[in-house]
Amino acid sequence: MLDERDEDIVALMRDADVLFRALVSRREAIHNLLTSTSTLSRELTLLVKQSRADLKPALTHPENVVNVLNKNEDNLDNSLRLMAPFYTVFANTPGTGPRFDTYIQNMPPAPQVG
């Protein structure tokens, strides 16, 4: 009886091998996901602990933060629009050679230290 089904058994074993390889691959992917999630969780916890005092007003009264942002939306948009040319030039600064060469208009002179 087994002799008649030996091809079926071999095919079943091949399919099982494919299935087990896929399971091992998925297990490794899940393990990596869990490890990365644990690392992210630790980093976020540390970030919150380190910046809790700075973030407390924003977290305590988020509606105030949203109100300030909404109130200043035009100013924020205008600032971003006006900074775009500067960022374009500034981003190209390292492309001028081995030195850092840029010009910032209306920048007050550096104080004399001496």
PDB file of N, CA and C in Angstrom:
ATOM      1  N   MET A   1       0.812  -1.184   0.000  1.00  0.00           N
ATOM      2  CA  MET A   1       0.000   0.000   0.000  1.00  0.00           C
ATOM      3  C   MET A   1       0.867   1.263   0.000  1.00  0.00           C
ATOM      4  N   LEU A   2       1.887   1.272   0.872  1.00  0.00           N
ATOM      5  CA  LEU A   2       2.779   2.426   0.898  1.00  0.00           C
ATOM      6  C   LEU A   2       3.550   2.547  -0.397  1.00  0.00           C
ATOM      7  N   ASP A   3       3.856   1.417  -0.985  1.00  0.00           N
ATOM      8  CA  ASP A   3       4.612   1.445  -2.235  1.00  0.00           C
ATOM      9  C   ASP A   3       3.843   2.164  -3.338  1.00  0.00           C
ATOM     10  N   GLU A   4       2.530   2.025  -3.299  1.00  0.00           N
ATOM     11  CA  GLU A   4       1.714   2.685  -4.307  1.00  0.00           C
ATOM     12  C   GLU A   4       1.631   4.194  -4.084  1.00  0.00           C
ATOM     13  N   ARG A   5       1.872   4.637  -2.863  1.00  0.00           N
ATOM     14  CA  ARG A   5       1.704   6.054  -2.517  1.00  0.00           C
ATOM     15  C   ARG A   5       3.035   6.745  -2.253  1.00  0.00           C
ATOM     16  N   ASP A   6       4.141   6.086  -2.602  1.00  0.00           N
ATOM     17  CA  ASP A   6       5.445   6.673  -2.289  1.00  0.00           C
ATOM     18  C   ASP A   6       5.661   8.020  -2.976  1.00  0.00           C
ATOM     19  N   GLU A   7       5.154   8.199  -4.194  1.00  0.00           N
ATOM     20  CA  GLU A   7       5.288   9.491  -4.873  1.00  0.00           C
ATOM     21  C   GLU A   7       4.491  10.569  -4.143  1.00  0.00           C
ATOM     22  N   ASP A   8       3.319  10.206  -3.643  1.00  0.00           N
ATOM     23  CA  ASP A   8       2.515  11.157  -2.876  1.00  0.00           C
ATOM     24  C   ASP A   8       3.228  11.558  -1.590  1.00  0.00           C
ATOM     25  N   ILE A   9       3.853  10.585  -0.959  1.00  0.00           N
ATOM     26  CA  ILE A   9       4.570  10.860   0.294  1.00  0.00           C
ATOM     27  C   ILE A   9       5.764  11.774   0.024  1.00  0.00           C
ATOM     28  N   VAL A  10       6.502  11.505  -1.040  1.00  0.00           N
ATOM     29  CA  VAL A  10       7.646  12.354  -1.396  1.00  0.00           C
ATOM     30  C   VAL A  10       7.165  13.765  -1.728  1.00  0.00           C
ATOM     31  N   ALA A  11       6.083  13.886  -2.469  1.00  0.00           N
ATOM     32  CA  ALA A  11       5.536  15.208  -2.806  1.00  0.00           C
ATOM     33  C   ALA A  11       5.076  15.930  -1.539  1.00  0.00           C
ATOM     34  N   LEU A  12       4.462  15.203  -0.644  1.00  0.00           N
ATOM     35  CA  LEU A  12       4.022  15.781   0.625  1.00  0.00           C
ATOM     36  C   LEU A  12       5.220  16.282   1.428  1.00  0.00           C
ATOM     37  N   MET A  13       6.290  15.522   1.447  1.00  0.00           N
ATOM     38  CA  MET A  13       7.496  15.931   2.173  1.00  0.00           C
ATOM     39  C   MET A  13       8.112  17.178   1.539  1.00  0.00           C
ATOM     40  N   ARG A  14       8.124  17.245   0.198  1.00  0.00           N
ATOM     41  CA  ARG A  14       8.639  18.437  -0.478  1.00  0.00           C
ATOM     42  C   ARG A  14       7.789  19.656  -0.125  1.00  0.00           C
ATOM     43  N   ASP A  15       6.476  19.484  -0.166  1.00  0.00           N
ATOM     44  CA  ASP A  15       5.577  20.593   0.176  1.00  0.00           C
ATOM     45  C   ASP A  15       5.748  21.015   1.630  1.00  0.00           C
ATOM     46  N   ALA A  16       5.944  20.038   2.496  1.00  0.00           N
ATOM     47  CA  ALA A  16       6.161  20.347   3.908  1.00  0.00           C
ATOM     48  C   ALA A  16       7.462  21.116   4.085  1.00  0.00           C
ATOM     49  N   ASP A  17       8.476  20.755   3.313  1.00  0.00           N
ATOM     50  CA  ASP A  17       9.748  21.471   3.380  1.00  0.00           C
ATOM     51  C   ASP A  17       9.565  22.925   2.962  1.00  0.00           C
ATOM     52  N   VAL A  18       8.811  23.150   1.895  1.00  0.00           N
ATOM     53  CA  VAL A  18       8.534  24.514   1.437  1.00  0.00           C
ATOM     54  C   VAL A  18       7.784  25.280   2.527  1.00  0.00           C
ATOM     55  N   LEU A  19       6.797  24.632   3.109  1.00  0.00           N
ATOM     56  CA  LEU A  19       6.016  25.263   4.171  1.00  0.00           C
ATOM     57  C   LEU A  19       6.897  25.602   5.371  1.00  0.00           C
ATOM     58  N   PHE A  20       7.733  24.676   5.804  1.00  0.00           N
ATOM     59  CA  PHE A  20       8.586  24.927   6.969  1.00  0.00           C
ATOM     60  C   PHE A  20       9.609  26.027   6.685  1.00  0.00           C
ATOM     61  N   ARG A  21      10.148  26.070   5.482  1.00  0.00           N
ATOM     62  CA  ARG A  21      11.073  27.159   5.129  1.00  0.00           C
ATOM     63  C   ARG A  21      10.361  28.512   5.183  1.00  0.00           C
ATOM     64  N   ALA A  22       9.128  28.551   4.690  1.00  0.00           N
ATOM     65  CA  ALA A  22       8.352  29.796   4.747  1.00  0.00           C
ATOM     66  C   ALA A  22       8.062  30.175   6.189  1.00  0.00           C
ATOM     67  N   LEU A  23       7.738  29.206   7.013  1.00  0.00           N
ATOM     68  CA  LEU A  23       7.475  29.484   8.428  1.00  0.00           C
ATOM     69  C   LEU A  23       8.717  30.014   9.134  1.00  0.00           C
ATOM     70  N   VAL A  24       9.870  29.426   8.845  1.00  0.00           N
ATOM     71  CA  VAL A  24      11.121  29.906   9.442  1.00  0.00           C
ATOM     72  C   VAL A  24      11.404  31.335   8.983  1.00  0.00           C
ATOM     73  N   SER A  25      11.187  31.593   7.717  1.00  0.00           N
ATOM     74  CA  SER A  25      11.398  32.946   7.198  1.00  0.00           C
ATOM     75  C   SER A  25      10.460  33.937   7.878  1.00  0.00           C
ATOM     76  N   ARG A  26       9.208  33.574   8.007  1.00  0.00           N
ATOM     77  CA  ARG A  26       8.233  34.451   8.675  1.00  0.00           C
ATOM     78  C   ARG A  26       8.600  34.623  10.142  1.00  0.00           C
ATOM     79  N   ARG A  27       9.060  33.558  10.778  1.00  0.00           N
ATOM     80  CA  ARG A  27       9.457  33.655  12.184  1.00  0.00           C
ATOM     81  C   ARG A  27      10.594  34.652  12.341  1.00  0.00           C
ATOM     82  N   GLU A  28      11.567  34.615  11.434  1.00  0.00           N
ATOM     83  CA  GLU A  28      12.688  35.555  11.490  1.00  0.00           C
ATOM     84  C   GLU A  28      12.202  36.986  11.272  1.00  0.00           C
ATOM     85  N   ALA A  29      11.282  37.168  10.336  1.00  0.00           N
ATOM     86  CA  ALA A  29      10.747  38.508  10.078  1.00  0.00           C
ATOM     87  C   ALA A  29       9.992  39.026  11.294  1.00  0.00           C
ATOM     88  N   ILE A  30       9.194  38.173  11.913  1.00  0.00           N
ATOM     89  CA  ILE A  30       8.449  38.573  13.116  1.00  0.00           C
ATOM     90  C   ILE A  30       9.407  38.866  14.254  1.00  0.00           C
ATOM     91  N   HIS A  31      10.429  38.052  14.401  1.00  0.00           N
ATOM     92  CA  HIS A  31      11.437  38.294  15.442  1.00  0.00           C
ATOM     93  C   HIS A  31      12.103  39.652  15.232  1.00  0.00           C
ATOM     94  N   ASN A  32      12.498  39.940  13.985  1.00  0.00           N
ATOM     95  CA  ASN A  32      13.122  41.238  13.694  1.00  0.00           C
ATOM     96  C   ASN A  32      12.168  42.384  13.974  1.00  0.00           C
ATOM     97  N   LEU A  33      10.904  42.205  13.627  1.00  0.00           N
ATOM     98  CA  LEU A  33       9.900  43.231  13.894  1.00  0.00           C
ATOM     99  C   LEU A  33       9.746  43.468  15.389  1.00  0.00           C
ATOM    100  N   LEU A  34       9.670  42.401  16.154  1.00  0.00           N
ATOM    101  CA  LEU A  34       9.534  42.535  17.616  1.00  0.00           C
ATOM    102  C   LEU A  34      10.772  43.174  18.236  1.00  0.00           C
ATOM    103  N   THR A  35      11.944  42.789  17.762  1.00  0.00           N
ATOM    104  CA  THR A  35      13.181  43.372  18.274  1.00  0.00           C
ATOM    105  C   THR A  35      13.235  44.861  17.949  1.00  0.00           C
ATOM    106  N   SER A  36      12.902  45.220  16.737  1.00  0.00           N
ATOM    107  CA  SER A  36      12.909  46.631  16.340  1.00  0.00           C
ATOM    108  C   SER A  36      11.864  47.424  17.111  1.00  0.00           C
ATOM    109  N   THR A  37      10.700  46.835  17.321  1.00  0.00           N
ATOM    110  CA  THR A  37       9.643  47.505  18.079  1.00  0.00           C
ATOM    111  C   THR A  37      10.080  47.723  19.521  1.00  0.00           C
ATOM    112  N   SER A  38      10.752  46.761  20.101  1.00  0.00           N
ATOM    113  CA  SER A  38      11.255  46.916  21.469  1.00  0.00           C
ATOM    114  C   SER A  38      12.286  48.037  21.539  1.00  0.00           C
ATOM    115  N   THR A  39      13.177  48.081  20.567  1.00  0.00           N
ATOM    116  CA  THR A  39      14.183  49.150  20.524  1.00  0.00           C
ATOM    117  C   THR A  39      13.510  50.508  20.371  1.00  0.00           C
ATOM    118  N   LEU A  40      12.550  50.596  19.467  1.00  0.00           N
ATOM    119  CA  LEU A  40      11.810  51.844  19.269  1.00  0.00           C
ATOM    120  C   LEU A  40      11.101  52.256  20.550  1.00  0.00           C
ATOM    121  N   SER A  41      10.497  51.321  21.226  1.00  0.00           N
ATOM    122  CA  SER A  41       9.798  51.616  22.474  1.00  0.00           C
ATOM    123  C   SER A  41      10.742  52.175  23.527  1.00  0.00           C
ATOM    124  N   ARG A  42      11.916  51.561  23.659  1.00  0.00           N
ATOM    125  CA  ARG A  42      12.902  52.058  24.627  1.00  0.00           C
ATOM    126  C   ARG A  42      13.364  53.463  24.269  1.00  0.00           C
ATOM    127  N   GLU A  43      13.622  53.695  22.975  1.00  0.00           N
ATOM    128  CA  GLU A  43      14.073  55.012  22.530  1.00  0.00           C
ATOM    129  C   GLU A  43      13.001  56.070  22.757  1.00  0.00           C
ATOM    130  N   LEU A  44      11.744  55.737  22.452  1.00  0.00           N
ATOM    131  CA  LEU A  44      10.660  56.698  22.663  1.00  0.00           C
ATOM    132  C   LEU A  44      10.456  56.989  24.149  1.00  0.00           C
ATOM    133  N   THR A  45      10.563  55.961  24.977  1.00  0.00           N
ATOM    134  CA  THR A  45      10.440  56.157  26.425  1.00  0.00           C
ATOM    135  C   THR A  45      11.536  57.083  26.922  1.00  0.00           C
ATOM    136  N   LEU A  46      12.756  56.866  26.469  1.00  0.00           N
ATOM    137  CA  LEU A  46      13.873  57.729  26.864  1.00  0.00           C
ATOM    138  C   LEU A  46      13.649  59.160  26.376  1.00  0.00           C
ATOM    139  N   LEU A  47      13.185  59.302  25.144  1.00  0.00           N
ATOM    140  CA  LEU A  47      12.913  60.636  24.602  1.00  0.00           C
ATOM    141  C   LEU A  47      11.863  61.366  25.431  1.00  0.00           C
ATOM    142  N   VAL A  48      10.798  60.662  25.790  1.00  0.00           N
ATOM    143  CA  VAL A  48       9.745  61.282  26.592  1.00  0.00           C
ATOM    144  C   VAL A  48      10.270  61.664  27.966  1.00  0.00           C
ATOM    145  N   LYS A  49      11.041  60.788  28.585  1.00  0.00           N
ATOM    146  CA  LYS A  49      11.605  61.100  29.903  1.00  0.00           C
ATOM    147  C   LYS A  49      12.514  62.317  29.846  1.00  0.00           C
ATOM    148  N   GLN A  50      13.340  62.397  28.797  1.00  0.00           N
ATOM    149  CA  GLN A  50      14.290  63.501  28.685  1.00  0.00           C
ATOM    150  C   GLN A  50      13.618  64.819  28.333  1.00  0.00           C
ATOM    151  N   SER A  51      12.503  64.766  27.631  1.00  0.00           N
ATOM    152  CA  SER A  51      11.886  66.019  27.180  1.00  0.00           C
ATOM    153  C   SER A  51      10.538  66.287  27.850  1.00  0.00           C
ATOM    154  N   ARG A  52      10.236  65.556  28.894  1.00  0.00           N
ATOM    155  CA  ARG A  52       8.942  65.711  29.564  1.00  0.00           C
ATOM    156  C   ARG A  52       8.706  67.141  30.031  1.00  0.00           C
ATOM    157  N   ALA A  53       9.714  67.754  30.658  1.00  0.00           N
ATOM    158  CA  ALA A  53       9.547  69.121  31.160  1.00  0.00           C
ATOM    159  C   ALA A  53       9.316  70.096  30.009  1.00  0.00           C
ATOM    160  N   ASP A  54      10.022  69.895  28.899  1.00  0.00           N
ATOM    161  CA  ASP A  54       9.857  70.784  27.746  1.00  0.00           C
ATOM    162  C   ASP A  54       8.492  70.593  27.089  1.00  0.00           C
ATOM    163  N   LEU A  55       8.021  69.360  27.081  1.00  0.00           N
ATOM    164  CA  LEU A  55       6.771  69.055  26.388  1.00  0.00           C
ATOM    165  C   LEU A  55       5.528  69.210  27.264  1.00  0.00           C
ATOM    166  N   LYS A  56       5.728  69.332  28.574  1.00  0.00           N
ATOM    167  CA  LYS A  56       4.586  69.338  29.483  1.00  0.00           C
ATOM    168  C   LYS A  56       3.534  70.378  29.115  1.00  0.00           C
ATOM    169  N   PRO A  57       3.906  71.639  28.852  1.00  0.00           N
ATOM    170  CA  PRO A  57       2.855  72.605  28.485  1.00  0.00           C
ATOM    171  C   PRO A  57       2.082  72.193  27.232  1.00  0.00           C
ATOM    172  N   ALA A  58       2.787  71.674  26.244  1.00  0.00           N
ATOM    173  CA  ALA A  58       2.120  71.267  25.006  1.00  0.00           C
ATOM    174  C   ALA A  58       1.237  70.046  25.227  1.00  0.00           C
ATOM    175  N   LEU A  59       1.675  69.133  26.088  1.00  0.00           N
ATOM    176  CA  LEU A  59       0.892  67.937  26.352  1.00  0.00           C
ATOM    177  C   LEU A  59      -0.266  68.209  27.304  1.00  0.00           C
ATOM    178  N   THR A  60      -0.093  69.183  28.190  1.00  0.00           N
ATOM    179  CA  THR A  60      -1.134  69.513  29.151  1.00  0.00           C
ATOM    180  C   THR A  60      -2.281  70.265  28.486  1.00  0.00           C
ATOM    181  N   HIS A  61      -1.917  71.142  27.561  1.00  0.00           N
ATOM    182  CA  HIS A  61      -2.928  71.961  26.896  1.00  0.00           C
ATOM    183  C   HIS A  61      -2.723  71.927  25.377  1.00  0.00           C
ATOM    184  N   PRO A  62      -2.966  70.775  24.753  1.00  0.00           N
ATOM    185  CA  PRO A  62      -2.701  70.681  23.313  1.00  0.00           C
ATOM    186  C   PRO A  62      -3.563  71.645  22.491  1.00  0.00           C
ATOM    187  N   GLU A  63      -4.756  71.949  23.000  1.00  0.00           N
ATOM    188  CA  GLU A  63      -5.606  72.877  22.244  1.00  0.00           C
ATOM    189  C   GLU A  63      -4.963  74.259  22.158  1.00  0.00           C
ATOM    190  N   ASN A  64      -4.187  74.650  23.192  1.00  0.00           N
ATOM    191  CA  ASN A  64      -3.482  75.929  23.141  1.00  0.00           C
ATOM    192  C   ASN A  64      -2.418  75.926  22.037  1.00  0.00           C
ATOM    193  N   VAL A  65      -1.725  74.805  21.919  1.00  0.00           N
ATOM    194  CA  VAL A  65      -0.695  74.689  20.880  1.00  0.00           C
ATOM    195  C   VAL A  65      -1.342  74.783  19.501  1.00  0.00           C
ATOM    196  N   VAL A  66      -2.434  74.068  19.324  1.00  0.00           N
ATOM    197  CA  VAL A  66      -3.132  74.098  18.038  1.00  0.00           C
ATOM    198  C   VAL A  66      -3.646  75.506  17.746  1.00  0.00           C
ATOM    199  N   ASN A  67      -4.163  76.172  18.768  1.00  0.00           N
ATOM    200  CA  ASN A  67      -4.658  77.540  18.576  1.00  0.00           C
ATOM    201  C   ASN A  67      -3.535  78.482  18.155  1.00  0.00           C
ATOM    202  N   VAL A  68      -2.371  78.356  18.787  1.00  0.00           N
ATOM    203  CA  VAL A  68      -1.231  79.202  18.420  1.00  0.00           C
ATOM    204  C   VAL A  68      -0.798  78.925  16.985  1.00  0.00           C
ATOM    205  N   LEU A  69      -0.728  77.652  16.614  1.00  0.00           N
ATOM    206  CA  LEU A  69      -0.342  77.302  15.248  1.00  0.00           C
ATOM    207  C   LEU A  69      -1.371  77.814  14.238  1.00  0.00           C
ATOM    208  N   ASN A  70      -2.652  77.651  14.550  1.00  0.00           N
ATOM    209  CA  ASN A  70      -3.691  78.144  13.647  1.00  0.00           C
ATOM    210  C   ASN A  70      -3.645  79.665  13.535  1.00  0.00           C
ATOM    211  N   LYS A  71      -3.439  80.329  14.658  1.00  0.00           N
ATOM    212  CA  LYS A  71      -3.381  81.786  14.667  1.00  0.00           C
ATOM    213  C   LYS A  71      -2.218  82.294  13.814  1.00  0.00           C
ATOM    214  N   ASN A  72      -1.139  81.554  13.802  1.00  0.00           N
ATOM    215  CA  ASN A  72       0.074  81.972  13.098  1.00  0.00           C
ATOM    216  C   ASN A  72       0.290  81.219  11.789  1.00  0.00           C
ATOM    217  N   GLU A  73      -0.737  80.591  11.281  1.00  0.00           N
ATOM    218  CA  GLU A  73      -0.586  79.798  10.053  1.00  0.00           C
ATOM    219  C   GLU A  73      -0.058  80.649   8.901  1.00  0.00           C
ATOM    220  N   ASP A  74      -0.610  81.845   8.731  1.00  0.00           N
ATOM    221  CA  ASP A  74      -0.138  82.717   7.647  1.00  0.00           C
ATOM    222  C   ASP A  74       1.329  83.092   7.843  1.00  0.00           C
ATOM    223  N   ASN A  75       1.712  83.383   9.090  1.00  0.00           N
ATOM    224  CA  ASN A  75       3.111  83.722   9.372  1.00  0.00           C
ATOM    225  C   ASN A  75       4.034  82.533   9.089  1.00  0.00           C
ATOM    226  N   LEU A  76       3.599  81.342   9.467  1.00  0.00           N
ATOM    227  CA  LEU A  76       4.407  80.141   9.215  1.00  0.00           C
ATOM    228  C   LEU A  76       4.556  79.903   7.707  1.00  0.00           C
ATOM    229  N   ASP A  77       3.446  80.012   6.986  1.00  0.00           N
ATOM    230  CA  ASP A  77       3.502  79.832   5.533  1.00  0.00           C
ATOM    231  C   ASP A  77       4.417  80.866   4.890  1.00  0.00           C
ATOM    232  N   ASN A  78       4.299  82.116   5.323  1.00  0.00           N
ATOM    233  CA  ASN A  78       5.123  83.186   4.770  1.00  0.00           C
ATOM    234  C   ASN A  78       6.601  82.949   5.088  1.00  0.00           C
ATOM    235  N   SER A  79       6.896  82.507   6.309  1.00  0.00           N
ATOM    236  CA  SER A  79       8.288  82.222   6.690  1.00  0.00           C
ATOM    237  C   SER A  79       8.879  81.129   5.810  1.00  0.00           C
ATOM    238  N   LEU A  80       8.117  80.072   5.608  1.00  0.00           N
ATOM    239  CA  LEU A  80       8.611  78.985   4.762  1.00  0.00           C
ATOM    240  C   LEU A  80       8.814  79.452   3.322  1.00  0.00           C
ATOM    241  N   ARG A  81       7.898  80.276   2.830  1.00  0.00           N
ATOM    242  CA  ARG A  81       8.021  80.792   1.463  1.00  0.00           C
ATOM    243  C   ARG A  81       9.260  81.681   1.333  1.00  0.00           C
ATOM    244  N   LEU A  82       9.500  82.526   2.345  1.00  0.00           N
ATOM    245  CA  LEU A  82      10.639  83.433   2.277  1.00  0.00           C
ATOM    246  C   LEU A  82      11.973  82.730   2.513  1.00  0.00           C
ATOM    247  N   MET A  83      11.948  81.625   3.257  1.00  0.00           N
ATOM    248  CA  MET A  83      13.195  80.903   3.537  1.00  0.00           C
ATOM    249  C   MET A  83      13.606  79.989   2.389  1.00  0.00           C
ATOM    250  N   ALA A  84      12.683  79.687   1.495  1.00  0.00           N
ATOM    251  CA  ALA A  84      12.992  78.748   0.403  1.00  0.00           C
ATOM    252  C   ALA A  84      14.201  79.172  -0.419  1.00  0.00           C
ATOM    253  N   PRO A  85      14.307  80.441  -0.861  1.00  0.00           N
ATOM    254  CA  PRO A  85      15.498  80.817  -1.635  1.00  0.00           C
ATOM    255  C   PRO A  85      16.793  80.668  -0.832  1.00  0.00           C
ATOM    256  N   PHE A  86      16.737  81.026   0.452  1.00  0.00           N
ATOM    257  CA  PHE A  86      17.929  80.878   1.292  1.00  0.00           C
ATOM    258  C   PHE A  86      18.340  79.414   1.386  1.00  0.00           C
ATOM    259  N   TYR A  87      17.373  78.537   1.645  1.00  0.00           N
ATOM    260  CA  TYR A  87      17.695  77.114   1.759  1.00  0.00           C
ATOM    261  C   TYR A  87      18.254  76.567   0.453  1.00  0.00           C
ATOM    262  N   THR A  88      17.741  77.043  -0.670  1.00  0.00           N
ATOM    263  CA  THR A  88      18.246  76.589  -1.964  1.00  0.00           C
ATOM    264  C   THR A  88      19.716  76.947  -2.112  1.00  0.00           C
ATOM    265  N   VAL A  89      20.059  78.197  -1.782  1.00  0.00           N
ATOM    266  CA  VAL A  89      21.458  78.640  -1.890  1.00  0.00           C
ATOM    267  C   VAL A  89      22.307  77.952  -0.828  1.00  0.00           C
ATOM    268  N   PHE A  90      21.794  77.886   0.388  1.00  0.00           N
ATOM    269  CA  PHE A  90      22.555  77.315   1.492  1.00  0.00           C
ATOM    270  C   PHE A  90      22.836  75.836   1.269  1.00  0.00           C
ATOM    271  N   ALA A  91      21.874  75.119   0.687  1.00  0.00           N
ATOM    272  CA  ALA A  91      22.071  73.688   0.426  1.00  0.00           C
ATOM    273  C   ALA A  91      23.181  73.469  -0.592  1.00  0.00           C
ATOM    274  N   ASN A  92      23.439  74.442  -1.449  1.00  0.00           N
ATOM    275  CA  ASN A  92      24.482  74.322  -2.459  1.00  0.00           C
ATOM    276  C   ASN A  92      25.840  74.776  -1.925  1.00  0.00           C
ATOM    277  N   THR A  93      25.885  75.305  -0.717  1.00  0.00           N
ATOM    278  CA  THR A  93      27.125  75.845  -0.159  1.00  0.00           C
ATOM    279  C   THR A  93      28.276  74.844  -0.195  1.00  0.00           C
ATOM    280  N   PRO A  94      28.093  73.606   0.223  1.00  0.00           N
ATOM    281  CA  PRO A  94      29.225  72.670   0.176  1.00  0.00           C
ATOM    282  C   PRO A  94      29.694  72.366  -1.240  1.00  0.00           C
ATOM    283  N   GLY A  95      28.888  72.694  -2.248  1.00  0.00           N
ATOM    284  CA  GLY A  95      29.261  72.415  -3.623  1.00  0.00           C
ATOM    285  C   GLY A  95      30.231  73.429  -4.208  1.00  0.00           C
ATOM    286  N   THR A  96      30.634  74.436  -3.410  1.00  0.00           N
ATOM    287  CA  THR A  96      31.528  75.466  -3.938  1.00  0.00           C
ATOM    288  C   THR A  96      32.990  75.093  -3.804  1.00  0.00           C
ATOM    289  N   GLY A  97      33.286  73.969  -3.252  1.00  0.00           N
ATOM    290  CA  GLY A  97      34.681  73.549  -3.134  1.00  0.00           C
ATOM    291  C   GLY A  97      34.987  73.044  -1.737  1.00  0.00           C
ATOM    292  N   PRO A  98      36.270  72.976  -1.397  1.00  0.00           N
ATOM    293  CA  PRO A  98      36.665  72.402  -0.115  1.00  0.00           C
ATOM    294  C   PRO A  98      36.411  73.336   1.065  1.00  0.00           C
ATOM    295  N   ARG A  99      35.910  74.535   0.805  1.00  0.00           N
ATOM    296  CA  ARG A  99      35.650  75.467   1.896  1.00  0.00           C
ATOM    297  C   ARG A  99      34.147  75.708   2.009  1.00  0.00           C
ATOM    298  N   PHE A 100      33.753  76.268   3.128  1.00  0.00           N
ATOM    299  CA  PHE A 100      32.361  76.608   3.378  1.00  0.00           C
ATOM    300  C   PHE A 100      32.183  78.061   3.003  1.00  0.00           C
ATOM    301  N   ASP A 101      31.550  78.319   1.867  1.00  0.00           N
ATOM    302  CA  ASP A 101      31.460  79.670   1.329  1.00  0.00           C
ATOM    303  C   ASP A 101      29.995  80.042   1.146  1.00  0.00           C
ATOM    304  N   THR A 102      29.515  80.984   1.962  1.00  0.00           N
ATOM    305  CA  THR A 102      28.137  81.430   1.821  1.00  0.00           C
ATOM    306  C   THR A 102      28.010  82.873   2.276  1.00  0.00           C
ATOM    307  N   TYR A 103      26.919  83.482   1.919  1.00  0.00           N
ATOM    308  CA  TYR A 103      26.637  84.863   2.302  1.00  0.00           C
ATOM    309  C   TYR A 103      25.215  84.914   2.841  1.00  0.00           C
ATOM    310  N   ILE A 104      25.058  85.456   4.025  1.00  0.00           N
ATOM    311  CA  ILE A 104      23.743  85.601   4.613  1.00  0.00           C
ATOM    312  C   ILE A 104      23.440  87.090   4.715  1.00  0.00           C
ATOM    313  N   GLN A 105      22.491  87.532   3.936  1.00  0.00           N
ATOM    314  CA  GLN A 105      22.140  88.948   3.887  1.00  0.00           C
ATOM    315  C   GLN A 105      21.503  89.376   5.209  1.00  0.00           C
ATOM    316  N   ASN A 106      21.835  90.609   5.643  1.00  0.00           N
ATOM    317  CA  ASN A 106      21.290  91.205   6.863  1.00  0.00           C
ATOM    318  C   ASN A 106      21.705  90.478   8.141  1.00  0.00           C
ATOM    319  N   MET A 107      22.748  89.703   8.066  1.00  0.00           N
ATOM    320  CA  MET A 107      23.269  89.019   9.252  1.00  0.00           C
ATOM    321  C   MET A 107      24.176  89.995   9.989  1.00  0.00           C
ATOM    322  N   PRO A 108      23.906  90.236  11.259  1.00  0.00           N
ATOM    323  CA  PRO A 108      24.779  91.164  11.996  1.00  0.00           C
ATOM    324  C   PRO A 108      26.183  90.589  12.109  1.00  0.00           C
ATOM    325  N   PRO A 109      27.181  91.467  12.176  1.00  0.00           N
ATOM    326  CA  PRO A 109      28.560  90.969  12.278  1.00  0.00           C
ATOM    327  C   PRO A 109      28.773  90.239  13.598  1.00  0.00           C
ATOM    328  N   ALA A 110      29.705  89.324  13.566  1.00  0.00           N
ATOM    329  CA  ALA A 110      30.043  88.575  14.778  1.00  0.00           C
ATOM    330  C   ALA A 110      30.696  89.521  15.772  1.00  0.00           C
ATOM    331  N   PRO A 111      30.402  89.360  17.064  1.00  0.00           N
ATOM    332  CA  PRO A 111      31.029  90.236  18.062  1.00  0.00           C
ATOM    333  C   PRO A 111      32.520  90.005  18.144  1.00  0.00           C
ATOM    334  N   GLN A 112      33.256  91.051  18.410  1.00  0.00           N
ATOM    335  CA  GLN A 112      34.717  90.962  18.547  1.00  0.00           C
ATOM    336  C   GLN A 112      35.048  90.378  19.928  1.00  0.00           C
ATOM    337  N   VAL A 113      35.776  89.315  19.912  1.00  0.00           N
ATOM    338  CA  VAL A 113      36.199  88.677  21.160  1.00  0.00           C
ATOM    339  C   VAL A 113      37.662  89.000  21.340  1.00  0.00           C
ATOM    340  N   GLY A 114      37.994  89.506  22.485  1.00  0.00           N
ATOM    341  CA  GLY A 114      39.397  89.833  22.560  1.00  0.00           C
ATOM    342  C   GLY A 114      39.849  90.216  23.845  1.00  0.00           C
TER     343      GLY A 114
END
